[in-house]
Amino acid sequence: MSTIARTLSLCVVWVSVVSGLSLRVQAADQQTQGTLREAGKSFFEIGVGINDRIADRAADHRLLLSQFSMVTPENCMKPAQVQPAEGKWNLAHADGFVDFATKNGLKVVGHCLVWAKDGRTPAWFHRDGEKPASRELLLDRMRRHIQTKVTRYRGRIAMWDVVNEALDDGGEYLRDSGWSRACGEEFIVKAFEYAHAADPNVLLIYNDYNNELPGKREKQIRLVRSLTEKKTPIHAVGLQGHYEIDRVPFKDIEDTIVSMRQLGVKVVISELDIDVIPRGKWWAEGGKYREELSRLDPYREGCPPEVLKRQADQYAQLFQIFRRHSDTIARVSFWNLHDGQSWLNDFPWKRVNHPLLFDRQGNPKPAFAAVMSALNQLPQP
């Protein structure tokens, strides 16, 4: 063998050895980074929204049980799933979800008791034959719905999203719905009162989206102030936290957390993710760009390292804010377990997305290490 050939051969061996060592070091690093639930336990619960039939999804259990302390079912406790027709209860999936969580030492978030959108509430709630239900009938139906659900799981659910998405996105205070038309703000007050009566020990949440942004934040402040003045048992406000890369409203989030603390309520980050394919343009100019966007799928073969790095930096900045205000933050929950299960693969158009801390194989991404560093106050990798 020539000198050059021997040299090249040795170089190949050396590169192989170094590459192997590097892979083993990376694997060891992943094993020694710890878990989200451990890193967060001194500050707030670390949760996740997951598939209703989690008990049957054995492939998800290792990641779920190692990393998270609290779980929210995606759908099986929502009004339309639980009571699609008056008096016709469908609680089998919810029972199975709570049983699985209890058996495995996971706390449960009940989601949700009242969803203040007509399209998300079974029509029978708002009807009395051919005419709209009266205020009295609507509130009585709501009371029985809430009482049945909350009493059934009393002592087994740690937090309830009592009212979901009642604030208007435009110029009005409350969203136009069968609830607000019949009852005004009263339906929110009564929902919290009914939930508290059914389980005095559960933490009760008002949950919404974009309520950290200035216009809607003012409505959120108005609502919390009004509820507390009425002695309503509201304990926390949920910020859903569906953010887009490079557009995370850090200052608005922090300002909202501070304003809620001043009003005497906790904050939960209820459905966190960072979309790497910004979707805001989908709604621009009356949907003008939807045909163009529906063909956009830039990361179907994988997310570029520079994009993953930007995402990680932005997750780190979020968790630095959350840690700074851990006296007010009660929980941070991601929405879905890993990238392959994210709702953002299909909403608002179908594409391969990468919004979470774990990839499609359940392996930690740079965002995981960044969050762990923020929780542990370590320099970011």
Protein backbone atom coordinates (compact mmCIF):
# COMPACT_ATOMS: atom_id res chain seq x y z
CA MET A 1 0.00 0.00 0.00
CA SER A 2 1.40 3.41 -0.90
CA THR A 3 2.12 6.08 1.68
CA ILE A 4 -0.77 8.17 0.35
CA ALA A 5 -3.17 5.23 0.52
CA ARG A 6 -2.06 4.40 4.09
CA THR A 7 -2.55 8.04 5.07
CA LEU A 8 -6.04 8.17 3.54
CA SER A 9 -6.94 4.90 5.26
CA LEU A 10 -5.81 6.22 8.63
CA CYS A 11 -7.79 9.42 8.04
CA VAL A 12 -10.95 7.41 7.35
CA VAL A 13 -10.43 5.39 10.53
CA TRP A 14 -9.81 8.57 12.51
CA VAL A 15 -12.94 10.26 11.13
CA SER A 16 -14.97 7.13 11.91
CA VAL A 17 -13.67 7.04 15.47
CA VAL A 18 -14.32 10.74 16.01
CA SER A 19 -17.80 10.47 14.46
CA GLY A 20 -18.61 7.49 16.65
CA LEU A 21 -17.40 9.29 19.74
CA SER A 22 -19.43 12.34 18.76
CA LEU A 23 -22.59 10.28 18.38
CA ARG A 24 -22.00 8.59 21.73
CA VAL A 25 -21.39 11.94 23.40
CA GLN A 26 -24.62 13.31 21.89
CA ALA A 27 -26.53 10.26 23.13
CA ALA A 28 -24.99 10.61 26.58
CA ASP A 29 -25.87 14.31 26.61
CA GLN A 30 -29.49 13.47 25.83
CA GLN A 31 -29.57 10.96 28.68
CA THR A 32 -28.06 13.40 31.18
CA GLN A 33 -30.05 16.51 30.23
CA GLY A 34 -32.82 15.46 32.58
CA THR A 35 -36.54 15.86 31.95
CA LEU A 36 -38.93 18.74 31.60
CA ARG A 37 -41.03 17.64 34.55
CA GLU A 38 -37.96 17.54 36.82
CA ALA A 39 -36.55 20.85 35.58
CA GLY A 40 -39.89 22.59 35.94
CA LYS A 41 -41.10 21.16 39.23
CA SER A 42 -39.75 24.02 41.35
CA PHE A 43 -41.55 26.56 39.19
CA PHE A 44 -44.72 25.24 37.53
CA GLU A 45 -46.31 22.12 36.10
CA ILE A 46 -45.11 21.06 32.66
CA GLY A 47 -48.03 19.61 30.73
CA VAL A 48 -49.10 18.47 27.28
CA GLY A 49 -52.29 18.18 25.27
CA ILE A 50 -52.59 14.63 23.98
CA ASN A 51 -54.78 12.21 22.08
CA ASP A 52 -57.95 11.18 23.91
CA ARG A 53 -57.13 7.47 23.52
CA ILE A 54 -53.69 7.73 25.08
CA ALA A 55 -54.17 4.46 26.99
CA ASP A 56 -54.14 2.60 23.65
CA ARG A 57 -51.09 4.41 22.28
CA ALA A 58 -48.27 2.48 23.91
CA ALA A 59 -45.65 4.02 21.62
CA ASP A 60 -46.35 7.42 23.23
CA HIS A 61 -46.06 6.33 26.84
CA ARG A 62 -42.29 6.50 27.34
CA LEU A 63 -41.99 10.10 26.14
CA LEU A 64 -45.17 11.21 27.87
CA LEU A 65 -44.45 9.66 31.25
CA SER A 66 -40.79 10.68 31.34
CA GLN A 67 -41.26 14.34 30.39
CA PHE A 68 -44.65 15.65 31.53
CA SER A 69 -46.53 15.97 34.80
CA MET A 70 -49.95 17.07 33.56
CA VAL A 71 -52.17 16.13 30.61
CA THR A 72 -55.05 17.77 28.74
CA PRO A 73 -57.31 15.67 26.48
CA GLU A 74 -57.61 17.15 23.00
CA ASN A 75 -61.35 16.57 22.49
CA CYS A 76 -63.14 14.04 24.69
CA MET A 77 -64.26 16.49 27.41
CA LYS A 78 -65.57 19.22 25.10
CA PRO A 79 -69.34 19.89 25.21
CA ALA A 80 -70.13 18.47 21.77
CA GLN A 81 -68.33 15.22 22.52
CA VAL A 82 -69.70 14.80 26.04
CA GLN A 83 -73.39 15.71 25.55
CA PRO A 84 -74.23 15.86 21.83
CA ALA A 85 -77.95 15.73 22.60
CA GLU A 86 -79.71 16.79 25.78
CA GLY A 87 -79.37 14.09 28.41
CA LYS A 88 -77.37 11.82 26.07
CA TRP A 89 -74.02 11.53 27.80
CA ASN A 90 -70.89 10.12 26.18
CA LEU A 91 -68.20 9.90 28.82
CA ALA A 92 -66.43 6.62 28.00
CA HIS A 93 -63.38 8.26 26.39
CA ALA A 94 -63.13 10.85 29.17
CA ASP A 95 -63.35 8.10 31.80
CA GLY A 96 -60.59 6.14 30.06
CA PHE A 97 -58.39 9.23 29.83
CA VAL A 98 -58.75 10.10 33.51
CA ASP A 99 -58.22 6.46 34.53
CA PHE A 100 -54.98 6.26 32.53
CA ALA A 101 -53.69 9.54 33.96
CA THR A 102 -54.54 8.58 37.54
CA LYS A 103 -52.91 5.16 37.19
CA ASN A 104 -49.72 6.76 35.87
CA GLY A 105 -49.43 9.63 38.33
CA LEU A 106 -50.36 12.37 35.86
CA LYS A 107 -52.51 15.34 36.83
CA VAL A 108 -55.41 16.18 34.52
CA VAL A 109 -56.66 19.43 33.02
CA GLY A 110 -60.35 19.22 32.11
CA HIS A 111 -60.94 20.94 28.75
CA CYS A 112 -63.50 22.46 28.59
CA LEU A 113 -66.85 23.03 30.31
CA VAL A 114 -68.27 25.87 28.17
CA TRP A 115 -66.99 26.81 24.71
CA ALA A 116 -68.37 30.22 23.83
CA LYS A 117 -68.64 29.58 20.08
CA ASP A 118 -71.91 28.53 18.50
CA GLY A 119 -70.13 26.14 16.14
CA ARG A 120 -68.50 24.39 19.11
CA THR A 121 -71.63 24.10 21.27
CA PRO A 122 -74.37 21.58 20.43
CA ALA A 123 -77.30 23.53 18.97
CA TRP A 124 -79.79 22.07 21.46
CA PHE A 125 -78.26 24.16 24.26
CA HIS A 126 -79.55 27.34 22.64
CA ARG A 127 -82.92 26.18 21.35
CA ASP A 128 -86.38 25.76 22.90
CA GLY A 129 -88.36 24.13 20.14
CA GLU A 130 -88.52 26.63 17.29
CA LYS A 131 -87.37 29.60 19.37
CA PRO A 132 -84.17 30.55 21.17
CA ALA A 133 -83.79 29.19 24.70
CA SER A 134 -84.55 31.69 27.45
CA ARG A 135 -81.85 32.91 29.78
CA GLU A 136 -83.26 30.73 32.56
CA LEU A 137 -83.37 27.56 30.44
CA LEU A 138 -79.88 28.11 29.02
CA LEU A 139 -78.35 28.67 32.45
CA ASP A 140 -80.13 25.61 33.86
CA ARG A 141 -78.80 23.45 31.03
CA MET A 142 -75.32 24.82 31.62
CA ARG A 143 -75.59 24.15 35.36
CA ARG A 144 -76.57 20.52 34.83
CA HIS A 145 -73.86 20.02 32.20
CA ILE A 146 -71.14 21.45 34.44
CA GLN A 147 -72.37 19.73 37.58
CA THR A 148 -72.44 16.32 35.89
CA LYS A 149 -68.91 16.59 34.49
CA VAL A 150 -67.17 18.23 37.42
CA THR A 151 -68.83 16.04 40.07
CA ARG A 152 -68.00 12.87 38.13
CA TYR A 153 -64.26 13.63 38.25
CA ARG A 154 -64.12 15.51 41.55
CA GLY A 155 -60.74 14.97 43.19
CA ARG A 156 -59.26 13.48 39.98
CA ILE A 157 -58.96 16.65 37.91
CA ALA A 158 -56.57 19.36 39.06
CA MET A 159 -57.66 22.22 36.76
CA TRP A 160 -60.71 22.96 34.62
CA ASP A 161 -60.91 25.27 31.61
CA VAL A 162 -64.29 26.58 32.65
CA VAL A 163 -65.02 29.00 29.79
CA ASN A 164 -63.16 28.90 26.49
CA GLU A 165 -62.77 31.75 23.96
CA ALA A 166 -65.54 34.14 25.00
CA LEU A 167 -63.77 37.40 24.12
CA ASP A 168 -64.44 39.01 20.74
CA ASP A 169 -61.65 39.31 18.17
CA GLY A 170 -63.04 42.57 16.78
CA GLY A 171 -64.51 45.69 18.30
CA GLU A 172 -66.98 44.08 20.69
CA TYR A 173 -66.30 42.97 24.25
CA LEU A 174 -67.74 39.44 24.12
CA ARG A 175 -67.95 37.14 21.11
CA ASP A 176 -71.42 36.99 19.60
CA SER A 177 -72.90 33.61 20.56
CA GLY A 178 -76.03 31.99 21.91
CA TRP A 179 -74.46 32.41 25.34
CA SER A 180 -73.75 36.13 25.12
CA ARG A 181 -77.02 36.95 23.33
CA ALA A 182 -79.10 35.32 26.06
CA CYS A 183 -77.04 36.12 29.14
CA GLY A 184 -74.35 38.71 28.43
CA GLU A 185 -71.41 38.29 30.80
CA GLU A 186 -73.60 36.46 33.30
CA PHE A 187 -73.03 33.07 31.66
CA ILE A 188 -69.31 33.35 32.47
CA VAL A 189 -70.00 34.25 36.09
CA LYS A 190 -72.45 31.38 36.49
CA ALA A 191 -70.15 28.86 34.81
CA PHE A 192 -67.44 29.54 37.39
CA GLU A 193 -69.92 29.47 40.26
CA TYR A 194 -71.37 26.13 39.13
CA ALA A 195 -67.91 24.59 38.67
CA HIS A 196 -66.76 25.77 42.10
CA ALA A 197 -69.89 24.40 43.76
CA ALA A 198 -69.29 21.00 42.14
CA ASP A 199 -65.62 20.85 43.21
CA PRO A 200 -64.41 23.56 45.62
CA ASN A 201 -60.80 22.35 45.42
CA VAL A 202 -60.16 22.49 41.67
CA LEU A 203 -58.31 25.40 40.01
CA LEU A 204 -60.67 27.21 37.61
CA ILE A 205 -59.41 28.85 34.40
CA TYR A 206 -60.69 31.25 31.77
CA ASN A 207 -58.92 30.24 28.50
CA ASP A 208 -58.50 32.20 25.25
CA TYR A 209 -56.17 32.93 22.32
CA ASN A 210 -54.42 36.19 21.37
CA ASN A 211 -55.42 37.55 24.76
CA GLU A 212 -51.84 38.69 25.36
CA LEU A 213 -52.08 41.11 22.41
CA PRO A 214 -52.92 44.72 23.38
CA GLY A 215 -56.48 45.00 22.02
CA LYS A 216 -57.72 41.70 23.39
CA ARG A 217 -55.65 42.05 26.57
CA GLU A 218 -57.73 45.08 27.53
CA LYS A 219 -60.86 42.94 27.22
CA GLN A 220 -59.18 40.21 29.26
CA ILE A 221 -58.35 42.70 32.00
CA ARG A 222 -61.91 44.05 31.90
CA LEU A 223 -63.33 40.53 32.21
CA VAL A 224 -61.11 39.47 35.10
CA ARG A 225 -61.73 42.72 36.95
CA SER A 226 -65.49 42.37 36.47
CA LEU A 227 -65.49 38.74 37.61
CA THR A 228 -63.41 39.42 40.70
CA GLU A 229 -65.61 42.39 41.64
CA LYS A 230 -68.55 39.98 41.53
CA LYS A 231 -66.63 37.55 43.81
CA THR A 232 -66.56 34.98 40.99
CA PRO A 233 -64.25 32.03 41.80
CA ILE A 234 -61.86 32.53 38.86
CA HIS A 235 -58.32 31.43 39.73
CA ALA A 236 -56.32 31.68 36.50
CA VAL A 237 -56.27 32.94 32.93
CA GLY A 238 -55.08 30.70 30.12
CA LEU A 239 -52.95 32.10 27.30
CA GLN A 240 -53.13 29.51 24.55
CA GLY A 241 -49.69 30.37 23.15
CA HIS A 242 -49.93 29.24 19.52
CA TYR A 243 -47.05 31.36 18.26
CA GLU A 244 -45.24 31.76 14.92
CA ILE A 245 -41.48 31.78 14.54
CA ASP A 246 -39.94 35.27 14.55
CA ARG A 247 -43.31 36.72 15.61
CA VAL A 248 -43.53 35.68 19.24
CA PRO A 249 -44.90 38.71 21.17
CA PHE A 250 -42.50 38.47 24.11
CA LYS A 251 -43.20 41.89 25.62
CA ASP A 252 -46.96 41.48 25.29
CA ILE A 253 -46.79 38.08 26.99
CA GLU A 254 -44.79 39.46 29.91
CA ASP A 255 -47.02 42.52 30.21
CA THR A 256 -50.07 40.25 30.35
CA ILE A 257 -48.58 38.03 33.04
CA VAL A 258 -47.82 41.12 35.12
CA SER A 259 -51.32 42.51 34.63
CA MET A 260 -52.92 39.23 35.71
CA ARG A 261 -50.75 39.10 38.82
CA GLN A 262 -51.89 42.62 39.67
CA LEU A 263 -55.49 41.44 39.37
CA GLY A 264 -54.81 38.54 41.73
CA VAL A 265 -55.10 35.58 39.34
CA LYS A 266 -52.61 33.00 38.10
CA VAL A 267 -51.64 32.41 34.48
CA VAL A 268 -51.37 29.15 32.58
CA ILE A 269 -49.81 28.76 29.14
CA SER A 270 -52.34 26.25 27.95
CA GLU A 271 -51.48 25.15 24.38
CA LEU A 272 -47.89 26.13 23.54
CA ASP A 273 -46.14 25.66 20.20
CA ILE A 274 -44.01 27.70 17.76
CA ASP A 275 -45.03 27.22 14.13
CA VAL A 276 -41.96 27.21 11.84
CA ILE A 277 -44.13 27.92 8.76
CA PRO A 278 -45.85 31.24 9.59
CA ARG A 279 -49.58 31.04 8.92
CA GLY A 280 -50.78 34.62 9.50
CA LYS A 281 -50.96 35.33 5.77
CA TRP A 282 -53.72 32.69 5.47
CA TRP A 283 -56.29 35.18 6.79
CA ALA A 284 -54.89 38.29 5.09
CA GLU A 285 -56.98 40.25 2.60
CA GLY A 286 -59.98 37.98 2.88
CA GLY A 287 -58.03 34.80 2.21
CA LYS A 288 -56.44 36.10 -1.01
CA TYR A 289 -53.29 33.98 -0.58
CA ARG A 290 -54.83 30.66 0.41
CA GLU A 291 -54.41 28.92 -2.92
CA GLU A 292 -50.72 29.88 -2.96
CA LEU A 293 -50.18 28.86 0.65
CA SER A 294 -52.00 25.56 0.25
CA ARG A 295 -49.07 24.42 -1.94
CA LEU A 296 -46.41 25.65 0.50
CA ASP A 297 -44.61 22.78 2.21
CA PRO A 298 -40.98 23.90 2.57
CA TYR A 299 -39.82 21.49 5.29
CA ARG A 300 -41.35 18.20 4.19
CA GLU A 301 -37.86 16.68 3.98
CA GLY A 302 -36.79 18.10 7.34
CA CYS A 303 -36.40 21.43 9.10
CA PRO A 304 -33.11 23.28 8.37
CA PRO A 305 -30.69 23.60 11.31
CA GLU A 306 -30.78 27.41 11.17
CA VAL A 307 -34.59 27.37 11.53
CA LEU A 308 -34.39 24.92 14.44
CA LYS A 309 -31.82 27.22 16.07
CA ARG A 310 -34.09 30.26 15.75
CA GLN A 311 -36.98 28.25 17.15
CA ALA A 312 -34.81 27.10 20.07
CA ASP A 313 -33.73 30.67 20.83
CA GLN A 314 -37.35 31.80 20.91
CA TYR A 315 -38.45 28.92 23.14
CA ALA A 316 -35.59 29.81 25.48
CA GLN A 317 -36.70 33.43 25.63
CA LEU A 318 -40.24 32.35 26.43
CA PHE A 319 -39.13 30.10 29.26
CA GLN A 320 -36.90 32.79 30.67
CA ILE A 321 -40.04 34.93 30.95
CA PHE A 322 -42.01 32.07 32.47
CA ARG A 323 -39.29 31.33 35.03
CA ARG A 324 -39.01 35.03 35.90
CA HIS A 325 -42.73 35.03 36.71
CA SER A 326 -43.01 31.58 38.22
CA ASP A 327 -44.87 33.08 41.19
CA THR A 328 -47.73 33.73 38.76
CA ILE A 329 -47.38 30.87 36.26
CA ALA A 330 -49.22 27.73 37.41
CA ARG A 331 -48.63 25.57 34.33
CA VAL A 332 -47.01 25.51 30.89
CA SER A 333 -48.56 22.94 28.54
CA PHE A 334 -47.40 22.12 25.03
CA TRP A 335 -50.05 21.25 22.46
CA ASN A 336 -49.32 17.70 21.26
CA LEU A 337 -46.55 15.33 22.19
CA HIS A 338 -44.15 15.63 19.25
CA ASP A 339 -43.90 17.17 15.78
CA GLY A 340 -45.57 14.25 14.02
CA GLN A 341 -48.72 14.64 16.13
CA SER A 342 -49.01 18.43 15.97
CA TRP A 343 -52.30 19.95 14.84
CA LEU A 344 -50.17 22.40 12.84
CA ASN A 345 -49.45 19.69 10.27
CA ASP A 346 -53.05 20.22 9.12
CA PHE A 347 -54.08 23.72 10.24
CA PRO A 348 -54.77 25.95 8.45
CA TRP A 349 -53.42 23.93 5.51
CA LYS A 350 -51.69 20.57 5.21
CA ARG A 351 -47.89 20.74 5.50
CA VAL A 352 -45.05 19.02 7.37
CA ASN A 353 -44.51 21.13 10.45
CA HIS A 354 -41.95 21.11 13.27
CA PRO A 355 -43.41 23.23 16.12
CA LEU A 356 -42.57 21.26 19.28
CA LEU A 357 -39.60 20.17 21.40
CA PHE A 358 -39.46 16.59 20.08
CA ASP A 359 -39.15 15.38 16.50
CA ARG A 360 -41.27 12.75 14.81
CA GLN A 361 -39.32 9.94 16.44
CA GLY A 362 -39.73 11.52 19.88
CA ASN A 363 -36.09 12.64 20.01
CA PRO A 364 -35.21 15.99 21.62
CA LYS A 365 -34.61 18.90 19.27
CA PRO A 366 -32.45 21.98 19.90
CA ALA A 367 -35.57 23.60 21.39
CA PHE A 368 -35.62 20.95 24.15
CA ALA A 369 -32.05 21.73 25.20
CA ALA A 370 -32.81 25.46 25.07
CA VAL A 371 -35.86 25.09 27.34
CA MET A 372 -33.92 22.90 29.75
CA SER A 373 -31.13 25.47 29.89
CA ALA A 374 -33.64 28.24 30.58
CA LEU A 375 -35.25 26.26 33.38
CA ASN A 376 -31.88 25.35 34.87
CA GLN A 377 -30.42 28.84 34.25
CA LEU A 378 -27.58 27.43 32.20
CA PRO A 379 -25.93 29.05 29.15
CA GLN A 380 -27.93 28.10 26.07
CA PRO A 381 -26.27 25.42 23.87
